[in-house]
Amino acid sequence: MGGLPLSDWVGWLATAVFVLSYRFRDQRTLRWVQALAAVLWVGYGLARHAMPVVVANLLVAGMALYSSSPMKPDLSRVSDAGRSRTS
């Protein structure tokens, strides 16, 4: 494998997948690809014993999957009818 440790190859693959995610216009697809990249980064962090990398990317993967979920309520459509109009 060209002299690089396997963990480095995983890190480079994670970088490539993350960069590739920006080619997708569909937000749900973009989030799924970013979640995949984050999971690869978790593998890299575990191989390197880098817990900040592991924890950060577990959070990123979780948020990417949550934000792409069809069951997530669309808060942007919530009406402001119940808000007070006083100044």
Protein backbone atom coordinates (compact mmCIF):
# COMPACT_ATOMS: atom_id res chain seq x y z
CA MET A 1 0.00 0.00 0.00
CA GLY A 2 2.69 2.47 -0.86
CA GLY A 3 4.36 2.50 2.53
CA LEU A 4 1.55 4.34 4.32
CA PRO A 5 0.00 2.68 7.38
CA LEU A 6 -3.58 1.46 6.90
CA SER A 7 -4.82 4.16 9.28
CA ASP A 8 -3.39 6.84 6.98
CA TRP A 9 -5.22 5.31 4.01
CA VAL A 10 -8.46 5.41 6.02
CA GLY A 11 -7.79 9.07 6.86
CA TRP A 12 -7.15 9.94 3.21
CA LEU A 13 -10.27 8.04 2.16
CA ALA A 14 -12.29 9.91 4.79
CA THR A 15 -10.95 13.19 3.43
CA ALA A 16 -11.87 12.23 -0.15
CA VAL A 17 -15.39 11.12 0.82
CA PHE A 18 -15.97 14.32 2.79
CA VAL A 19 -14.81 16.50 -0.12
CA LEU A 20 -16.93 14.41 -2.50
CA SER A 21 -20.01 15.09 -0.36
CA TYR A 22 -20.06 18.68 -1.62
CA ARG A 23 -20.77 17.42 -5.15
CA PHE A 24 -24.28 16.43 -4.06
CA ARG A 25 -27.03 19.03 -4.29
CA ASP A 26 -29.65 16.93 -2.53
CA GLN A 27 -29.28 17.73 1.18
CA ARG A 28 -30.26 14.26 2.31
CA THR A 29 -27.64 12.61 0.09
CA LEU A 30 -25.04 15.15 1.17
CA ARG A 31 -25.72 14.33 4.83
CA TRP A 32 -25.49 10.56 4.23
CA VAL A 33 -22.16 10.93 2.46
CA GLN A 34 -20.89 13.22 5.23
CA ALA A 35 -22.01 10.63 7.80
CA LEU A 36 -20.02 8.00 5.91
CA ALA A 37 -16.95 10.25 5.95
CA ALA A 38 -17.41 10.81 9.69
CA VAL A 39 -17.57 7.05 10.30
CA LEU A 40 -14.31 6.67 8.35
CA TRP A 41 -12.81 9.41 10.53
CA VAL A 42 -13.95 7.48 13.61
CA GLY A 43 -12.03 4.46 12.31
CA TYR A 44 -8.99 6.66 11.72
CA GLY A 45 -9.26 8.13 15.21
CA LEU A 46 -9.55 4.70 16.81
CA ALA A 47 -6.53 3.41 14.89
CA ARG A 48 -4.52 6.46 15.98
CA HIS A 49 -5.86 6.44 19.55
CA ALA A 50 -7.11 9.99 18.99
CA MET A 51 -10.22 10.21 21.14
CA PRO A 52 -11.02 13.85 20.21
CA VAL A 53 -11.24 12.75 16.56
CA VAL A 54 -13.45 9.79 17.53
CA VAL A 55 -15.84 11.80 19.71
CA ALA A 56 -16.10 14.75 17.30
CA ASN A 57 -16.89 12.50 14.37
CA LEU A 58 -19.38 10.37 16.28
CA LEU A 59 -21.22 13.62 16.98
CA VAL A 60 -20.93 14.72 13.34
CA ALA A 61 -22.17 11.35 12.05
CA GLY A 62 -25.06 11.38 14.49
CA MET A 63 -26.12 14.90 13.54
CA ALA A 64 -25.75 14.18 9.81
CA LEU A 65 -27.97 11.11 10.11
CA TYR A 66 -30.48 12.90 12.33
CA SER A 67 -30.72 15.88 9.99
CA SER A 68 -31.31 13.59 7.00
CA SER A 69 -34.04 11.61 8.75
CA PRO A 70 -37.48 11.79 7.10
CA MET A 71 -39.03 11.46 10.58
CA LYS A 72 -37.40 14.67 11.84
CA PRO A 73 -39.95 17.49 12.24
CA ASP A 74 -39.47 20.37 9.80
CA LEU A 75 -39.13 23.28 12.20
CA SER A 76 -38.77 25.78 9.34
CA ARG A 77 -42.49 25.34 8.60
CA VAL A 78 -43.66 26.13 12.11
CA SER A 79 -46.06 29.05 12.00
CA ASP A 80 -45.32 32.11 14.10
CA ALA A 81 -49.07 32.58 14.67
CA GLY A 82 -48.64 31.93 18.38
CA ARG A 83 -45.98 34.57 18.87
CA SER A 84 -46.77 37.87 20.51
CA ARG A 85 -46.85 40.88 18.19
CA THR A 86 -46.16 43.45 20.92
CA SER A 87 -43.20 45.77 20.61
